[in-house]
Amino acid sequence: MTLAQTDGTPERILRAAFELFTAHGYQRTSLRQIAERLGLTKAAILYHFPSKGHLLAALAEPMVADLEKLVDTAGSLPTEQARWTLLEGWVDTMLKHRGPLGMLLHDLALVDRGSTYHRLVGIAMRANQILAGPDSSRRDRVRAVQAIAMCSDPVVFLMEVPEAVLRADMLDGVRRLLADPPTTEDTDTDPDSAVGAGRGGRRRPGRPRSMGPEQVLTARRMYAAGTHSIDEIAAACGVSRATLYRHLNSPDNNETVSG
């Protein structure tokens, strides 16, 4: 996250708050510390931000606004296009705001019950509805909630993973989640498991984990050049390592790739 590099007092306060929250944590940072860093009084901070929670909400605003815009866009699209526009956009938004701000959102859920918190809840609920689709079963709704978590949590908890690799892995994981059919036991014991799933009780599959001819050609050229790792090529193509290996090792490829 970047804050506007201006001389305005609110922007200076936000930059100082962000730096101190990042270094010491939200709970261990006081308004007095923020004021002292800027050579201001605590009253001056409170003039612009009525509480420490308002500071946190202001810092979260860029991410919240991006998510809000994404859900609005996805909600206007046909069901399947909306689903994958939302999933890919959610991952990209999380990565765009990757870093300490992601961890600060945990504090936001604890300390703020104002408009920002309720906007986040509303955004998540709308996203879940888009992913589950119309006439969704309970299992569809459960998987929708799981999918959003899969497109969010790794960004915060796997900070050491390169962005491109993490993006590819996250999208591969959520595709697997949404593509897997229910087990025989699930189908037998859950009467509504086939609702919206089509004939035979199988779930509607997600977008196939495959590569188009141009992607395959690009991947093979990158591999032949020897300048990119398998992980980097997979990330560039937006597929998993397994999918990339399958296409690189297809019969029309002269060279077999080993893992």
C-alpha atoms as a PDB file:
ATOM      1  CA  MET A   1       0.000   0.000   0.000  1.00  0.00           C
ATOM      2  CA  THR A   2       1.223   3.496  -0.786  1.00  0.00           C
ATOM      3  CA  LEU A   3      -0.085   6.680   0.756  1.00  0.00           C
ATOM      4  CA  ALA A   4      -0.057   9.926  -1.156  1.00  0.00           C
ATOM      5  CA  GLN A   5       3.203  11.712  -0.536  1.00  0.00           C
ATOM      6  CA  THR A   6       1.674  15.102   0.262  1.00  0.00           C
ATOM      7  CA  ASP A   7       2.207  17.627   3.034  1.00  0.00           C
ATOM      8  CA  GLY A   8      -1.426  17.496   4.144  1.00  0.00           C
ATOM      9  CA  THR A   9      -1.787  16.777   7.849  1.00  0.00           C
ATOM     10  CA  PRO A  10      -4.265  13.862   7.439  1.00  0.00           C
ATOM     11  CA  GLU A  11      -1.918  12.146   4.967  1.00  0.00           C
ATOM     12  CA  ARG A  12       1.067  12.668   7.267  1.00  0.00           C
ATOM     13  CA  ILE A  13      -0.893  11.199  10.163  1.00  0.00           C
ATOM     14  CA  LEU A  14      -1.883   8.159   8.120  1.00  0.00           C
ATOM     15  CA  ARG A  15       1.698   7.542   7.001  1.00  0.00           C
ATOM     16  CA  ALA A  16       2.967   7.741  10.570  1.00  0.00           C
ATOM     17  CA  ALA A  17       0.177   5.508  11.841  1.00  0.00           C
ATOM     18  CA  PHE A  18       0.875   2.933   9.148  1.00  0.00           C
ATOM     19  CA  GLU A  19       4.587   2.872   9.966  1.00  0.00           C
ATOM     20  CA  LEU A  20       3.973   2.506  13.701  1.00  0.00           C
ATOM     21  CA  PHE A  21       1.184  -0.077  13.321  1.00  0.00           C
ATOM     22  CA  THR A  22       3.507  -2.073  11.059  1.00  0.00           C
ATOM     23  CA  ALA A  23       6.464  -1.864  13.438  1.00  0.00           C
ATOM     24  CA  HIS A  24       4.699  -2.343  16.775  1.00  0.00           C
ATOM     25  CA  GLY A  25       1.205  -3.614  16.003  1.00  0.00           C
ATOM     26  CA  TYR A  26      -2.089  -1.794  16.217  1.00  0.00           C
ATOM     27  CA  GLN A  27      -2.804  -2.623  19.856  1.00  0.00           C
ATOM     28  CA  ARG A  28       0.642  -1.527  21.073  1.00  0.00           C
ATOM     29  CA  THR A  29       0.618   1.800  19.245  1.00  0.00           C
ATOM     30  CA  SER A  30      -0.951   4.788  20.980  1.00  0.00           C
ATOM     31  CA  LEU A  31      -2.258   8.018  19.525  1.00  0.00           C
ATOM     32  CA  ARG A  32       0.327   9.820  21.645  1.00  0.00           C
ATOM     33  CA  GLN A  33       3.147   7.919  19.882  1.00  0.00           C
ATOM     34  CA  ILE A  34       1.748   8.903  16.497  1.00  0.00           C
ATOM     35  CA  ALA A  35       1.490  12.526  17.600  1.00  0.00           C
ATOM     36  CA  GLU A  36       5.041  12.561  18.968  1.00  0.00           C
ATOM     37  CA  ARG A  37       6.464  11.191  15.743  1.00  0.00           C
ATOM     38  CA  LEU A  38       4.889  14.083  13.856  1.00  0.00           C
ATOM     39  CA  GLY A  39       5.531  16.773  16.443  1.00  0.00           C
ATOM     40  CA  LEU A  40       1.811  17.228  16.964  1.00  0.00           C
ATOM     41  CA  THR A  41      -0.484  17.036  19.960  1.00  0.00           C
ATOM     42  CA  LYS A  42      -2.874  14.168  20.564  1.00  0.00           C
ATOM     43  CA  ALA A  43      -5.697  16.674  20.168  1.00  0.00           C
ATOM     44  CA  ALA A  44      -4.434  17.480  16.666  1.00  0.00           C
ATOM     45  CA  ILE A  45      -4.649  13.791  15.736  1.00  0.00           C
ATOM     46  CA  LEU A  46      -8.180  13.539  17.138  1.00  0.00           C
ATOM     47  CA  TYR A  47      -9.235  16.607  15.159  1.00  0.00           C
ATOM     48  CA  HIS A  48      -8.706  14.671  11.935  1.00  0.00           C
ATOM     49  CA  PHE A  49      -9.408  11.126  13.192  1.00  0.00           C
ATOM     50  CA  PRO A  50     -11.824  10.821  16.171  1.00  0.00           C
ATOM     51  CA  SER A  51     -10.264   7.536  17.327  1.00  0.00           C
ATOM     52  CA  LYS A  52      -7.491   5.061  16.592  1.00  0.00           C
ATOM     53  CA  GLY A  53     -10.119   2.843  14.954  1.00  0.00           C
ATOM     54  CA  HIS A  54     -10.830   5.621  12.460  1.00  0.00           C
ATOM     55  CA  LEU A  55      -7.152   5.608  11.516  1.00  0.00           C
ATOM     56  CA  LEU A  56      -7.276   1.893  10.855  1.00  0.00           C
ATOM     57  CA  ALA A  57     -10.439   2.236   8.793  1.00  0.00           C
ATOM     58  CA  ALA A  58      -8.838   4.987   6.700  1.00  0.00           C
ATOM     59  CA  LEU A  59      -5.797   2.797   6.052  1.00  0.00           C
ATOM     60  CA  ALA A  60      -8.033  -0.071   4.963  1.00  0.00           C
ATOM     61  CA  GLU A  61     -10.141   2.109   2.663  1.00  0.00           C
ATOM     62  CA  PRO A  62      -8.115   1.561  -0.568  1.00  0.00           C
ATOM     63  CA  MET A  63      -8.506  -2.221  -0.303  1.00  0.00           C
ATOM     64  CA  VAL A  64     -12.163  -2.005   0.673  1.00  0.00           C
ATOM     65  CA  ALA A  65     -12.903   0.329  -2.239  1.00  0.00           C
ATOM     66  CA  ASP A  66     -11.144  -1.991  -4.703  1.00  0.00           C
ATOM     67  CA  LEU A  67     -13.111  -5.001  -3.447  1.00  0.00           C
ATOM     68  CA  GLU A  68     -16.348  -3.054  -3.642  1.00  0.00           C
ATOM     69  CA  LYS A  69     -15.656  -2.091  -7.254  1.00  0.00           C
ATOM     70  CA  LEU A  70     -14.740  -5.693  -8.109  1.00  0.00           C
ATOM     71  CA  VAL A  71     -17.983  -7.105  -6.696  1.00  0.00           C
ATOM     72  CA  ASP A  72     -19.999  -4.454  -8.555  1.00  0.00           C
ATOM     73  CA  THR A  73     -18.292  -5.432 -11.819  1.00  0.00           C
ATOM     74  CA  ALA A  74     -18.646  -9.179 -11.301  1.00  0.00           C
ATOM     75  CA  GLY A  75     -22.291  -8.827 -10.285  1.00  0.00           C
ATOM     76  CA  SER A  76     -23.177  -7.464 -13.718  1.00  0.00           C
ATOM     77  CA  LEU A  77     -21.728 -10.441 -15.627  1.00  0.00           C
ATOM     78  CA  PRO A  78     -23.170 -13.850 -16.593  1.00  0.00           C
ATOM     79  CA  THR A  79     -22.802 -16.456 -13.837  1.00  0.00           C
ATOM     80  CA  GLU A  80     -19.687 -18.346 -14.951  1.00  0.00           C
ATOM     81  CA  GLN A  81     -17.862 -15.239 -16.168  1.00  0.00           C
ATOM     82  CA  ALA A  82     -18.802 -13.458 -12.949  1.00  0.00           C
ATOM     83  CA  ARG A  83     -17.419 -16.325 -10.852  1.00  0.00           C
ATOM     84  CA  TRP A  84     -13.951 -16.264 -12.383  1.00  0.00           C
ATOM     85  CA  THR A  85     -13.791 -12.505 -12.773  1.00  0.00           C
ATOM     86  CA  LEU A  86     -14.462 -12.293  -9.052  1.00  0.00           C
ATOM     87  CA  LEU A  87     -11.990 -14.996  -8.028  1.00  0.00           C
ATOM     88  CA  GLU A  88      -9.101 -13.718 -10.116  1.00  0.00           C
ATOM     89  CA  GLY A  89      -9.882 -10.127  -9.198  1.00  0.00           C
ATOM     90  CA  TRP A  90     -10.040 -10.999  -5.510  1.00  0.00           C
ATOM     91  CA  VAL A  91      -6.593 -12.604  -5.619  1.00  0.00           C
ATOM     92  CA  ASP A  92      -5.161  -9.653  -7.541  1.00  0.00           C
ATOM     93  CA  THR A  93      -6.663  -7.168  -5.101  1.00  0.00           C
ATOM     94  CA  MET A  94      -5.209  -9.019  -2.122  1.00  0.00           C
ATOM     95  CA  LEU A  95      -1.800  -9.104  -3.797  1.00  0.00           C
ATOM     96  CA  LYS A  96      -2.024  -5.426  -4.729  1.00  0.00           C
ATOM     97  CA  HIS A  97      -2.462  -4.564  -1.062  1.00  0.00           C
ATOM     98  CA  ARG A  98      -0.121  -7.272   0.151  1.00  0.00           C
ATOM     99  CA  GLY A  99       1.973  -6.559   3.182  1.00  0.00           C
ATOM    100  CA  PRO A 100       1.330  -5.271   6.681  1.00  0.00           C
ATOM    101  CA  LEU A 101      -2.087  -3.896   5.713  1.00  0.00           C
ATOM    102  CA  GLY A 102      -3.350  -7.448   5.312  1.00  0.00           C
ATOM    103  CA  MET A 103      -2.506  -8.152   8.917  1.00  0.00           C
ATOM    104  CA  LEU A 104      -4.056  -4.889  10.039  1.00  0.00           C
ATOM    105  CA  LEU A 105      -7.398  -6.091   8.665  1.00  0.00           C
ATOM    106  CA  HIS A 106      -7.516  -8.658  11.456  1.00  0.00           C
ATOM    107  CA  ASP A 107      -7.463  -5.746  13.892  1.00  0.00           C
ATOM    108  CA  LEU A 108     -10.131  -3.966  11.863  1.00  0.00           C
ATOM    109  CA  ALA A 109     -12.542  -6.831  12.423  1.00  0.00           C
ATOM    110  CA  LEU A 110     -11.911  -6.615  16.167  1.00  0.00           C
ATOM    111  CA  VAL A 111     -11.953  -2.905  16.829  1.00  0.00           C
ATOM    112  CA  ASP A 112     -14.239  -1.357  14.237  1.00  0.00           C
ATOM    113  CA  ARG A 113     -17.971  -1.908  13.971  1.00  0.00           C
ATOM    114  CA  GLY A 114     -18.651   1.163  11.885  1.00  0.00           C
ATOM    115  CA  SER A 115     -19.274   1.675   8.211  1.00  0.00           C
ATOM    116  CA  THR A 116     -15.992   0.127   6.997  1.00  0.00           C
ATOM    117  CA  TYR A 117     -16.592  -3.099   8.897  1.00  0.00           C
ATOM    118  CA  HIS A 118     -20.162  -3.366   7.633  1.00  0.00           C
ATOM    119  CA  ARG A 119     -19.026  -2.633   4.078  1.00  0.00           C
ATOM    120  CA  LEU A 120     -16.524  -5.505   4.312  1.00  0.00           C
ATOM    121  CA  VAL A 121     -19.234  -7.846   5.563  1.00  0.00           C
ATOM    122  CA  GLY A 122     -21.549  -6.752   2.765  1.00  0.00           C
ATOM    123  CA  ILE A 123     -18.825  -7.200   0.140  1.00  0.00           C
ATOM    124  CA  ALA A 124     -18.072 -10.720   1.401  1.00  0.00           C
ATOM    125  CA  MET A 125     -21.741 -11.692   1.380  1.00  0.00           C
ATOM    126  CA  ARG A 126     -22.230 -10.430  -2.175  1.00  0.00           C
ATOM    127  CA  ALA A 127     -19.064 -12.231  -3.292  1.00  0.00           C
ATOM    128  CA  ASN A 128     -20.301 -15.474  -1.742  1.00  0.00           C
ATOM    129  CA  GLN A 129     -23.638 -15.156  -3.563  1.00  0.00           C
ATOM    130  CA  ILE A 130     -21.932 -14.550  -6.907  1.00  0.00           C
ATOM    131  CA  LEU A 131     -19.656 -17.568  -6.455  1.00  0.00           C
ATOM    132  CA  ALA A 132     -22.422 -19.900  -5.306  1.00  0.00           C
ATOM    133  CA  GLY A 133     -24.598 -18.931  -8.262  1.00  0.00           C
ATOM    134  CA  PRO A 134     -28.389 -18.907  -8.593  1.00  0.00           C
ATOM    135  CA  ASP A 135     -30.405 -21.773  -7.080  1.00  0.00           C
ATOM    136  CA  SER A 136     -27.351 -22.857  -5.112  1.00  0.00           C
ATOM    137  CA  SER A 137     -27.351 -25.754  -2.673  1.00  0.00           C
ATOM    138  CA  ARG A 138     -25.959 -25.572   0.831  1.00  0.00           C
ATOM    139  CA  ARG A 139     -22.765 -27.227  -0.372  1.00  0.00           C
ATOM    140  CA  ASP A 140     -22.423 -24.628  -3.137  1.00  0.00           C
ATOM    141  CA  ARG A 141     -22.677 -21.881  -0.538  1.00  0.00           C
ATOM    142  CA  VAL A 142     -20.135 -23.565   1.735  1.00  0.00           C
ATOM    143  CA  ARG A 143     -17.648 -23.884  -1.113  1.00  0.00           C
ATOM    144  CA  ALA A 144     -18.188 -20.264  -2.082  1.00  0.00           C
ATOM    145  CA  VAL A 145     -17.174 -19.157   1.415  1.00  0.00           C
ATOM    146  CA  GLN A 146     -14.168 -21.488   1.297  1.00  0.00           C
ATOM    147  CA  ALA A 147     -13.156 -20.131  -2.101  1.00  0.00           C
ATOM    148  CA  ILE A 148     -13.018 -16.541  -0.866  1.00  0.00           C
ATOM    149  CA  ALA A 149     -10.834 -17.631   2.052  1.00  0.00           C
ATOM    150  CA  MET A 150      -8.538 -19.445  -0.394  1.00  0.00           C
ATOM    151  CA  CYS A 151      -8.208 -16.209  -2.368  1.00  0.00           C
ATOM    152  CA  SER A 152      -7.346 -14.159   0.720  1.00  0.00           C
ATOM    153  CA  ASP A 153      -5.582 -15.940   3.571  1.00  0.00           C
ATOM    154  CA  PRO A 154      -2.449 -17.196   1.741  1.00  0.00           C
ATOM    155  CA  VAL A 155      -1.546 -13.595   0.862  1.00  0.00           C
ATOM    156  CA  VAL A 156      -1.251 -12.778   4.564  1.00  0.00           C
ATOM    157  CA  PHE A 157       0.208 -16.032   5.878  1.00  0.00           C
ATOM    158  CA  LEU A 158       2.659 -16.884   3.065  1.00  0.00           C
ATOM    159  CA  MET A 159       4.504 -13.606   2.763  1.00  0.00           C
ATOM    160  CA  GLU A 160       7.711 -15.364   1.731  1.00  0.00           C
ATOM    161  CA  VAL A 161       6.227 -16.826  -1.480  1.00  0.00           C
ATOM    162  CA  PRO A 162       6.878 -14.751  -4.648  1.00  0.00           C
ATOM    163  CA  GLU A 163       3.751 -12.962  -5.845  1.00  0.00           C
ATOM    164  CA  ALA A 164       3.481 -14.610  -9.263  1.00  0.00           C
ATOM    165  CA  VAL A 165       3.943 -18.108  -7.831  1.00  0.00           C
ATOM    166  CA  LEU A 166       1.464 -17.475  -5.017  1.00  0.00           C
ATOM    167  CA  ARG A 167      -1.134 -16.152  -7.467  1.00  0.00           C
ATOM    168  CA  ALA A 168      -0.872 -19.262  -9.634  1.00  0.00           C
ATOM    169  CA  ASP A 169      -1.081 -21.603  -6.650  1.00  0.00           C
ATOM    170  CA  MET A 170      -4.064 -19.806  -5.141  1.00  0.00           C
ATOM    171  CA  LEU A 171      -6.056 -19.851  -8.372  1.00  0.00           C
ATOM    172  CA  ASP A 172      -5.183 -23.495  -8.986  1.00  0.00           C
ATOM    173  CA  GLY A 173      -6.378 -24.399  -5.497  1.00  0.00           C
ATOM    174  CA  VAL A 174      -9.704 -22.633  -5.849  1.00  0.00           C
ATOM    175  CA  ARG A 175     -10.296 -24.194  -9.276  1.00  0.00           C
ATOM    176  CA  ARG A 176      -9.760 -27.612  -7.748  1.00  0.00           C
ATOM    177  CA  LEU A 177     -12.173 -26.800  -4.942  1.00  0.00           C
ATOM    178  CA  LEU A 178     -14.950 -25.674  -7.263  1.00  0.00           C
ATOM    179  CA  ALA A 179     -14.373 -28.390  -9.864  1.00  0.00           C
ATOM    180  CA  ASP A 180     -14.425 -31.398  -7.523  1.00  0.00           C
ATOM    181  CA  PRO A 181     -17.713 -33.361  -7.629  1.00  0.00           C
ATOM    182  CA  PRO A 182     -19.304 -34.434  -4.334  1.00  0.00           C
ATOM    183  CA  THR A 183     -18.321 -37.887  -3.096  1.00  0.00           C
ATOM    184  CA  THR A 184     -20.733 -40.846  -3.287  1.00  0.00           C
ATOM    185  CA  GLU A 185     -21.300 -40.562   0.446  1.00  0.00           C
ATOM    186  CA  ASP A 186     -22.144 -36.873   0.149  1.00  0.00           C
ATOM    187  CA  THR A 187     -24.618 -37.515  -2.644  1.00  0.00           C
ATOM    188  CA  ASP A 188     -26.328 -40.359  -0.800  1.00  0.00           C
ATOM    189  CA  THR A 189     -26.698 -38.546   2.498  1.00  0.00           C
ATOM    190  CA  ASP A 190     -27.426 -35.010   1.340  1.00  0.00           C
ATOM    191  CA  PRO A 191     -30.681 -34.707  -0.645  1.00  0.00           C
ATOM    192  CA  ASP A 192     -29.912 -31.209  -1.887  1.00  0.00           C
ATOM    193  CA  SER A 193     -26.334 -31.911  -2.962  1.00  0.00           C
ATOM    194  CA  ALA A 194     -27.414 -32.167  -6.602  1.00  0.00           C
ATOM    195  CA  VAL A 195     -29.449 -28.952  -6.630  1.00  0.00           C
ATOM    196  CA  GLY A 196     -28.159 -26.827  -9.481  1.00  0.00           C
ATOM    197  CA  ALA A 197     -25.590 -29.517 -10.253  1.00  0.00           C
ATOM    198  CA  GLY A 198     -27.168 -30.991 -13.333  1.00  0.00           C
ATOM    199  CA  ARG A 199     -28.211 -34.555 -14.047  1.00  0.00           C
ATOM    200  CA  GLY A 200     -26.387 -37.395 -12.295  1.00  0.00           C
ATOM    201  CA  GLY A 201     -25.764 -35.390  -9.126  1.00  0.00           C
ATOM    202  CA  ARG A 202     -22.428 -34.033 -10.323  1.00  0.00           C
ATOM    203  CA  ARG A 203     -21.477 -30.461  -9.562  1.00  0.00           C
ATOM    204  CA  ARG A 204     -21.043 -27.924 -12.291  1.00  0.00           C
ATOM    205  CA  PRO A 205     -17.301 -27.867 -12.977  1.00  0.00           C
ATOM    206  CA  GLY A 206     -15.239 -24.731 -12.639  1.00  0.00           C
ATOM    207  CA  ARG A 207     -13.164 -23.361 -15.484  1.00  0.00           C
ATOM    208  CA  PRO A 208     -11.069 -26.215 -16.932  1.00  0.00           C
ATOM    209  CA  ARG A 209      -7.473 -26.203 -15.813  1.00  0.00           C
ATOM    210  CA  SER A 210      -6.053 -26.176 -19.319  1.00  0.00           C
ATOM    211  CA  MET A 211      -3.891 -24.083 -21.633  1.00  0.00           C
ATOM    212  CA  GLY A 212      -4.710 -22.692 -25.047  1.00  0.00           C
ATOM    213  CA  PRO A 213      -2.442 -23.305 -28.050  1.00  0.00           C
ATOM    214  CA  GLU A 214      -0.786 -19.880 -27.743  1.00  0.00           C
ATOM    215  CA  GLN A 215      -0.110 -20.425 -24.044  1.00  0.00           C
ATOM    216  CA  VAL A 216       1.416 -23.837 -24.756  1.00  0.00           C
ATOM    217  CA  LEU A 217       3.666 -22.348 -27.434  1.00  0.00           C
ATOM    218  CA  THR A 218       4.743 -19.529 -25.129  1.00  0.00           C
ATOM    219  CA  ALA A 219       5.417 -21.950 -22.267  1.00  0.00           C
ATOM    220  CA  ARG A 220       7.541 -24.194 -24.484  1.00  0.00           C
ATOM    221  CA  ARG A 221       9.561 -21.263 -25.760  1.00  0.00           C
ATOM    222  CA  MET A 222      10.174 -20.041 -22.212  1.00  0.00           C
ATOM    223  CA  TYR A 223      11.215 -23.522 -21.130  1.00  0.00           C
ATOM    224  CA  ALA A 224      13.496 -24.000 -24.149  1.00  0.00           C
ATOM    225  CA  ALA A 225      15.171 -20.643 -23.498  1.00  0.00           C
ATOM    226  CA  GLY A 226      16.173 -21.849 -20.043  1.00  0.00           C
ATOM    227  CA  THR A 227      15.637 -18.406 -18.521  1.00  0.00           C
ATOM    228  CA  HIS A 228      12.591 -19.252 -16.395  1.00  0.00           C
ATOM    229  CA  SER A 229      11.874 -21.870 -13.759  1.00  0.00           C
ATOM    230  CA  ILE A 230       8.892 -24.189 -14.013  1.00  0.00           C
ATOM    231  CA  ASP A 231       7.190 -22.220 -11.225  1.00  0.00           C
ATOM    232  CA  GLU A 232       7.717 -18.949 -13.082  1.00  0.00           C
ATOM    233  CA  ILE A 233       6.367 -20.352 -16.343  1.00  0.00           C
ATOM    234  CA  ALA A 234       3.330 -21.829 -14.579  1.00  0.00           C
ATOM    235  CA  ALA A 235       2.676 -18.501 -12.861  1.00  0.00           C
ATOM    236  CA  ALA A 236       2.975 -16.593 -16.134  1.00  0.00           C
ATOM    237  CA  CYS A 237       0.439 -18.941 -17.739  1.00  0.00           C
ATOM    238  CA  GLY A 238      -1.874 -18.938 -14.715  1.00  0.00           C
ATOM    239  CA  VAL A 239      -1.832 -22.724 -14.328  1.00  0.00           C
ATOM    240  CA  SER A 240      -0.458 -25.263 -11.866  1.00  0.00           C
ATOM    241  CA  ARG A 241       2.859 -27.074 -12.237  1.00  0.00           C
ATOM    242  CA  ALA A 242       0.968 -30.296 -12.966  1.00  0.00           C
ATOM    243  CA  THR A 243      -0.974 -28.675 -15.800  1.00  0.00           C
ATOM    244  CA  LEU A 244       2.192 -27.157 -17.240  1.00  0.00           C
ATOM    245  CA  TYR A 245       4.028 -30.494 -17.099  1.00  0.00           C
ATOM    246  CA  ARG A 246       1.103 -32.196 -18.832  1.00  0.00           C
ATOM    247  CA  HIS A 247       1.285 -29.814 -21.782  1.00  0.00           C
ATOM    248  CA  LEU A 248       5.068 -29.736 -21.967  1.00  0.00           C
ATOM    249  CA  ASN A 249       5.124 -33.537 -21.996  1.00  0.00           C
ATOM    250  CA  SER A 250       2.314 -33.961 -24.535  1.00  0.00           C
ATOM    251  CA  PRO A 251       3.067 -36.181 -27.574  1.00  0.00           C
ATOM    252  CA  ASP A 252       3.612 -33.234 -29.929  1.00  0.00           C
ATOM    253  CA  ASN A 253       6.435 -31.920 -27.751  1.00  0.00           C
ATOM    254  CA  ASN A 254       9.827 -33.353 -28.665  1.00  0.00           C
ATOM    255  CA  GLU A 255      11.350 -32.943 -25.215  1.00  0.00           C
ATOM    256  CA  THR A 256      10.100 -34.547 -22.038  1.00  0.00           C
ATOM    257  CA  VAL A 257      10.255 -32.479 -18.900  1.00  0.00           C
ATOM    258  CA  SER A 258      10.920 -34.042 -15.512  1.00  0.00           C
ATOM    259  CA  GLY A 259      10.014 -32.499 -12.160  1.00  0.00           C
END
